[in-house]
Each structure stands twice: as structure tokens, then as C-alpha cells.
Amino acid sequence: MEVAKDQAPPKQSFLATSRRIINFANTNVPKANDTIVYIQGSWDLLHHGHLKRLEAAKKLGDFLYVGIWDDEMTRYYKGQQYPIVSLQERVLMCLACKHVDDVVIGAPYILTEDLIKSLNIKKVVSIKNIKEDAPLKRHQDIDSLAVARSQGILEEIEIEDEFYSVTTEEIA
């Protein structure tokens, strides 16, 4: 029986194995007394603005976790045209960045107390005045970092260099 083209299953474009992912990652593990920092986003089309933000976040502590929303979560909050590149590609791009110690693959959009506690996070970073990952209008009232804010661990920082305030949305 022949399957119509529009009904055929999607083709896997990237075969992720733990060995392939490890090739991009560093071997750092957080030490007991490290200040562990967390920053989250879609990290779509990793660009120089992202790199500046990751560098700034890393400067706030000793170990940087980067939360990366999965494709479905990104589409739900940002719109059907996002993400532009797949979760696997976004993970590998972030892991290849020298400022990133580890990633949380498929991180929740709304940061949870469990994630903070399980990773021993001491600071959660948010970038002021950047429209990167702006949610759709229907989601704009959601405070995805409310738990960090209530725990007093939210660090809102500003990137002053206009060159580094570029967003994926502007590129797209």
C-alpha cells in the first residue's frame, strides 16, 4: 500500500546520541560551594545578542545552566513560526558556547520550585529591556519567573550595548 506524500511520517533530520551531544559539552560539574546561575529561553538562531547575554549571566556565578524550551513550548508561547531551528540544534549551539556549563533540555517555560531546588540554583537571570522571546499577547500576563522573584533570587540585568540587543525576532 502506497502512502500519500502529505501523510508520510516526518523525516528525522538529526540523529542525536548521547556521545554526539557530549562532544559539544564541557565536563564541568557544579561544586558544593558554587554559585549556580540559571537563564532560560528558546535560544533560537543562537546569535551575538544571545552570546552577550550568556556571558553576562555566567559572570554572576560559577556555574551556568541554560534552560532551553522544547519546540512545542516555544510555539505555544511565541507562535507557530518559532522556533526556527530544532531543539537538538539549539541544544548543541548552547553547549558549544564557552560560557555555558550545562543545559536543561525541554525546560519549563514557567520556572518551577522543583527545578530551582533540584539544580541548587542560587540566581535566576532575566535581561531587562530585551524583546527576545516575547510571548504572544494572550500570554503576556504570565510571569514565568514568579517563583524566582518570590524567592529573592531573580537577577534582572541590562545589556547596554545596542549591538548585543538584537533578537531572533528582528533577524527573522
C-alpha atoms as a PDB file:
ATOM      1  CA  MET A   1       0.000   0.000   0.000  1.00  0.00           C
ATOM      2  CA  GLU A   2       1.382   3.393  -1.000  1.00  0.00           C
ATOM      3  CA  VAL A   3       1.260   6.351   1.419  1.00  0.00           C
ATOM      4  CA  ALA A   4       0.454   9.801   0.064  1.00  0.00           C
ATOM      5  CA  LYS A   5       3.293  12.322   0.442  1.00  0.00           C
ATOM      6  CA  ASP A   6       1.276  14.584   2.746  1.00  0.00           C
ATOM      7  CA  GLN A   7       0.518  11.623   5.038  1.00  0.00           C
ATOM      8  CA  ALA A   8       4.041  10.264   5.263  1.00  0.00           C
ATOM      9  CA  PRO A   9       5.721  10.459   8.662  1.00  0.00           C
ATOM     10  CA  PRO A  10       8.206  13.299   9.144  1.00  0.00           C
ATOM     11  CA  LYS A  11      11.832  12.522   8.436  1.00  0.00           C
ATOM     12  CA  GLN A  12      14.338  12.737  11.271  1.00  0.00           C
ATOM     13  CA  SER A  13      16.840  15.382  10.212  1.00  0.00           C
ATOM     14  CA  PHE A  14      19.235  14.993  13.134  1.00  0.00           C
ATOM     15  CA  LEU A  15      20.123  11.810  14.950  1.00  0.00           C
ATOM     16  CA  ALA A  16      21.045  12.743  18.487  1.00  0.00           C
ATOM     17  CA  THR A  17      23.065  10.309  20.541  1.00  0.00           C
ATOM     18  CA  SER A  18      24.499  10.938  23.984  1.00  0.00           C
ATOM     19  CA  ARG A  19      28.009  10.594  22.519  1.00  0.00           C
ATOM     20  CA  ARG A  20      27.328  13.267  19.890  1.00  0.00           C
ATOM     21  CA  ILE A  21      25.913  15.616  22.493  1.00  0.00           C
ATOM     22  CA  ILE A  22      28.878  15.025  24.830  1.00  0.00           C
ATOM     23  CA  ASN A  23      31.217  16.120  22.036  1.00  0.00           C
ATOM     24  CA  PHE A  24      29.723  19.608  22.357  1.00  0.00           C
ATOM     25  CA  ALA A  25      29.519  19.757  26.154  1.00  0.00           C
ATOM     26  CA  ASN A  26      32.184  20.566  28.687  1.00  0.00           C
ATOM     27  CA  THR A  27      32.868  18.270  31.618  1.00  0.00           C
ATOM     28  CA  ASN A  28      32.246  20.809  34.373  1.00  0.00           C
ATOM     29  CA  VAL A  29      30.055  19.791  37.278  1.00  0.00           C
ATOM     30  CA  PRO A  30      28.922  22.232  39.941  1.00  0.00           C
ATOM     31  CA  LYS A  31      30.833  22.091  43.210  1.00  0.00           C
ATOM     32  CA  ALA A  32      29.075  22.265  46.577  1.00  0.00           C
ATOM     33  CA  ASN A  33      30.026  25.901  47.188  1.00  0.00           C
ATOM     34  CA  ASP A  34      29.489  27.167  43.606  1.00  0.00           C
ATOM     35  CA  THR A  35      27.025  29.919  42.882  1.00  0.00           C
ATOM     36  CA  ILE A  36      24.778  28.243  40.335  1.00  0.00           C
ATOM     37  CA  VAL A  37      23.098  30.540  37.817  1.00  0.00           C
ATOM     38  CA  TYR A  38      20.138  29.757  35.539  1.00  0.00           C
ATOM     39  CA  ILE A  39      18.883  31.566  32.460  1.00  0.00           C
ATOM     40  CA  GLN A  40      16.107  30.322  30.204  1.00  0.00           C
ATOM     41  CA  GLY A  41      14.784  30.915  26.714  1.00  0.00           C
ATOM     42  CA  SER A  42      14.247  29.410  23.303  1.00  0.00           C
ATOM     43  CA  TRP A  43      17.839  30.235  22.227  1.00  0.00           C
ATOM     44  CA  ASP A  44      16.626  30.137  18.644  1.00  0.00           C
ATOM     45  CA  LEU A  45      19.189  31.011  15.950  1.00  0.00           C
ATOM     46  CA  LEU A  46      21.929  31.489  18.551  1.00  0.00           C
ATOM     47  CA  HIS A  47      23.349  34.912  17.686  1.00  0.00           C
ATOM     48  CA  HIS A  48      25.734  37.517  19.089  1.00  0.00           C
ATOM     49  CA  GLY A  49      22.989  39.007  21.285  1.00  0.00           C
ATOM     50  CA  HIS A  50      22.468  35.611  22.902  1.00  0.00           C
ATOM     51  CA  LEU A  51      26.202  35.196  23.407  1.00  0.00           C
ATOM     52  CA  LYS A  52      26.443  38.537  25.190  1.00  0.00           C
ATOM     53  CA  ARG A  53      23.537  37.565  27.451  1.00  0.00           C
ATOM     54  CA  LEU A  54      25.103  34.199  28.267  1.00  0.00           C
ATOM     55  CA  GLU A  55      28.412  35.882  29.043  1.00  0.00           C
ATOM     56  CA  ALA A  56      26.685  38.358  31.373  1.00  0.00           C
ATOM     57  CA  ALA A  57      24.789  35.548  33.132  1.00  0.00           C
ATOM     58  CA  LYS A  58      27.945  33.487  33.625  1.00  0.00           C
ATOM     59  CA  LYS A  59      29.670  36.461  35.288  1.00  0.00           C
ATOM     60  CA  LEU A  60      27.071  36.306  38.074  1.00  0.00           C
ATOM     61  CA  GLY A  61      28.269  32.934  39.338  1.00  0.00           C
ATOM     62  CA  ASP A  62      30.482  29.895  38.963  1.00  0.00           C
ATOM     63  CA  PHE A  63      28.260  27.502  37.012  1.00  0.00           C
ATOM     64  CA  LEU A  64      25.689  28.379  34.329  1.00  0.00           C
ATOM     65  CA  TYR A  65      22.679  26.244  33.458  1.00  0.00           C
ATOM     66  CA  VAL A  66      20.781  27.286  30.335  1.00  0.00           C
ATOM     67  CA  GLY A  67      17.142  26.242  30.170  1.00  0.00           C
ATOM     68  CA  ILE A  68      16.030  25.562  26.599  1.00  0.00           C
ATOM     69  CA  TRP A  69      12.309  25.319  25.879  1.00  0.00           C
ATOM     70  CA  ASP A  70      11.303  22.488  23.574  1.00  0.00           C
ATOM     71  CA  ASP A  71       9.807  23.160  20.153  1.00  0.00           C
ATOM     72  CA  GLU A  72       6.182  22.694  21.256  1.00  0.00           C
ATOM     73  CA  MET A  73       6.575  25.016  24.263  1.00  0.00           C
ATOM     74  CA  THR A  74       8.251  27.674  22.099  1.00  0.00           C
ATOM     75  CA  ARG A  75       5.443  27.518  19.505  1.00  0.00           C
ATOM     76  CA  TYR A  76       2.777  27.721  22.222  1.00  0.00           C
ATOM     77  CA  TYR A  77       4.187  30.880  23.811  1.00  0.00           C
ATOM     78  CA  LYS A  78       5.796  32.625  20.799  1.00  0.00           C
ATOM     79  CA  GLY A  79       3.752  31.491  17.798  1.00  0.00           C
ATOM     80  CA  GLN A  80       3.724  28.838  15.095  1.00  0.00           C
ATOM     81  CA  GLN A  81       6.653  30.330  13.152  1.00  0.00           C
ATOM     82  CA  TYR A  82       9.036  29.562  16.045  1.00  0.00           C
ATOM     83  CA  PRO A  83      11.429  28.017  16.720  1.00  0.00           C
ATOM     84  CA  ILE A  84      13.323  28.465  13.504  1.00  0.00           C
ATOM     85  CA  VAL A  85      15.826  25.697  14.330  1.00  0.00           C
ATOM     86  CA  SER A  86      15.090  22.435  16.139  1.00  0.00           C
ATOM     87  CA  LEU A  87      15.607  21.721  19.817  1.00  0.00           C
ATOM     88  CA  GLN A  88      18.576  19.461  19.041  1.00  0.00           C
ATOM     89  CA  GLU A  89      20.310  22.215  17.101  1.00  0.00           C
ATOM     90  CA  ARG A  90      19.607  24.780  19.822  1.00  0.00           C
ATOM     91  CA  VAL A  91      20.992  22.424  22.481  1.00  0.00           C
ATOM     92  CA  LEU A  92      24.196  21.827  20.522  1.00  0.00           C
ATOM     93  CA  MET A  93      24.675  25.544  19.830  1.00  0.00           C
ATOM     94  CA  CYS A  94      24.294  26.418  23.520  1.00  0.00           C
ATOM     95  CA  LEU A  95      26.567  23.577  24.633  1.00  0.00           C
ATOM     96  CA  ALA A  96      29.239  24.805  22.216  1.00  0.00           C
ATOM     97  CA  CYS A  97      29.254  28.229  23.920  1.00  0.00           C
ATOM     98  CA  LYS A  98      32.172  28.648  26.329  1.00  0.00           C
ATOM     99  CA  HIS A  99      30.005  30.414  28.911  1.00  0.00           C
ATOM    100  CA  VAL A 100      27.534  27.514  29.224  1.00  0.00           C
ATOM    101  CA  ASP A 101      28.288  24.719  31.668  1.00  0.00           C
ATOM    102  CA  ASP A 102      25.166  22.629  31.087  1.00  0.00           C
ATOM    103  CA  VAL A 103      21.689  22.844  29.564  1.00  0.00           C
ATOM    104  CA  VAL A 104      18.236  21.831  30.723  1.00  0.00           C
ATOM    105  CA  ILE A 105      16.702  20.272  27.621  1.00  0.00           C
ATOM    106  CA  GLY A 106      12.980  20.946  27.371  1.00  0.00           C
ATOM    107  CA  ALA A 107      12.987  23.345  30.327  1.00  0.00           C
ATOM    108  CA  PRO A 108       9.599  24.557  31.554  1.00  0.00           C
ATOM    109  CA  TYR A 109       8.507  27.995  30.380  1.00  0.00           C
ATOM    110  CA  ILE A 110       7.207  28.748  33.862  1.00  0.00           C
ATOM    111  CA  LEU A 111      10.167  28.180  36.168  1.00  0.00           C
ATOM    112  CA  THR A 112       9.339  25.749  38.956  1.00  0.00           C
ATOM    113  CA  GLU A 113      10.454  25.498  42.551  1.00  0.00           C
ATOM    114  CA  ASP A 114      11.420  21.879  41.860  1.00  0.00           C
ATOM    115  CA  LEU A 115      13.829  22.868  39.071  1.00  0.00           C
ATOM    116  CA  ILE A 116      15.431  25.530  41.285  1.00  0.00           C
ATOM    117  CA  LYS A 117      15.810  23.120  44.183  1.00  0.00           C
ATOM    118  CA  SER A 118      16.969  20.095  42.182  1.00  0.00           C
ATOM    119  CA  LEU A 119      19.726  22.064  40.416  1.00  0.00           C
ATOM    120  CA  ASN A 120      20.642  24.070  43.545  1.00  0.00           C
ATOM    121  CA  ILE A 121      20.143  27.333  41.646  1.00  0.00           C
ATOM    122  CA  LYS A 122      21.178  30.453  43.559  1.00  0.00           C
ATOM    123  CA  LYS A 123      20.480  33.087  40.870  1.00  0.00           C
ATOM    124  CA  VAL A 124      17.990  33.226  38.018  1.00  0.00           C
ATOM    125  CA  VAL A 125      18.846  35.761  35.326  1.00  0.00           C
ATOM    126  CA  SER A 126      16.439  37.896  33.341  1.00  0.00           C
ATOM    127  CA  ILE A 127      17.558  40.504  30.816  1.00  0.00           C
ATOM    128  CA  LYS A 128      15.798  43.882  31.056  1.00  0.00           C
ATOM    129  CA  ASN A 129      14.660  45.818  28.008  1.00  0.00           C
ATOM    130  CA  ILE A 130      15.171  42.936  25.555  1.00  0.00           C
ATOM    131  CA  LYS A 131      12.235  41.708  23.497  1.00  0.00           C
ATOM    132  CA  GLU A 132      13.806  38.281  22.855  1.00  0.00           C
ATOM    133  CA  ASP A 133      11.244  35.507  23.313  1.00  0.00           C
ATOM    134  CA  ALA A 134       8.351  37.939  23.768  1.00  0.00           C
ATOM    135  CA  PRO A 135       5.218  35.829  24.280  1.00  0.00           C
ATOM    136  CA  LEU A 136       2.049  36.116  22.238  1.00  0.00           C
ATOM    137  CA  LYS A 137      -0.430  38.719  23.548  1.00  0.00           C
ATOM    138  CA  ARG A 138      -2.598  36.085  25.203  1.00  0.00           C
ATOM    139  CA  HIS A 139       0.369  35.012  27.386  1.00  0.00           C
ATOM    140  CA  GLN A 140       1.825  38.428  28.266  1.00  0.00           C
ATOM    141  CA  ASP A 141       0.366  38.421  31.781  1.00  0.00           C
ATOM    142  CA  ILE A 142       2.236  35.238  32.737  1.00  0.00           C
ATOM    143  CA  ASP A 143       5.231  35.832  34.990  1.00  0.00           C
ATOM    144  CA  SER A 144       7.370  32.851  34.040  1.00  0.00           C
ATOM    145  CA  LEU A 145       9.927  33.789  36.713  1.00  0.00           C
ATOM    146  CA  ALA A 146       7.464  34.371  39.596  1.00  0.00           C
ATOM    147  CA  VAL A 147       8.959  31.598  41.739  1.00  0.00           C
ATOM    148  CA  ALA A 148      12.482  33.041  41.438  1.00  0.00           C
ATOM    149  CA  ARG A 149      11.127  36.517  42.134  1.00  0.00           C
ATOM    150  CA  SER A 150       9.307  35.304  45.274  1.00  0.00           C
ATOM    151  CA  GLN A 151      12.461  33.527  46.499  1.00  0.00           C
ATOM    152  CA  GLY A 152      14.533  36.688  46.016  1.00  0.00           C
ATOM    153  CA  ILE A 153      16.954  35.002  43.604  1.00  0.00           C
ATOM    154  CA  LEU A 154      15.944  36.811  40.408  1.00  0.00           C
ATOM    155  CA  GLU A 155      18.738  38.985  38.968  1.00  0.00           C
ATOM    156  CA  GLU A 156      17.472  41.403  36.331  1.00  0.00           C
ATOM    157  CA  ILE A 157      20.397  42.724  34.333  1.00  0.00           C
ATOM    158  CA  GLU A 158      20.690  45.165  31.478  1.00  0.00           C
ATOM    159  CA  ILE A 159      22.751  44.815  28.336  1.00  0.00           C
ATOM    160  CA  GLU A 160      23.684  48.364  27.383  1.00  0.00           C
ATOM    161  CA  ASP A 161      25.404  47.784  24.051  1.00  0.00           C
ATOM    162  CA  GLU A 162      22.771  48.207  21.331  1.00  0.00           C
ATOM    163  CA  PHE A 163      24.731  45.826  19.083  1.00  0.00           C
ATOM    164  CA  TYR A 164      24.046  42.989  21.529  1.00  0.00           C
ATOM    165  CA  SER A 165      20.346  43.710  21.985  1.00  0.00           C
ATOM    166  CA  VAL A 166      19.471  42.121  18.622  1.00  0.00           C
ATOM    167  CA  THR A 167      16.741  39.463  18.825  1.00  0.00           C
ATOM    168  CA  THR A 168      15.796  36.371  16.850  1.00  0.00           C
ATOM    169  CA  GLU A 169      12.519  38.095  16.032  1.00  0.00           C
ATOM    170  CA  GLU A 170      14.397  41.007  14.418  1.00  0.00           C
ATOM    171  CA  ILE A 171      16.599  38.612  12.442  1.00  0.00           C
ATOM    172  CA  ALA A 172      13.575  36.617  11.256  1.00  0.00           C
END
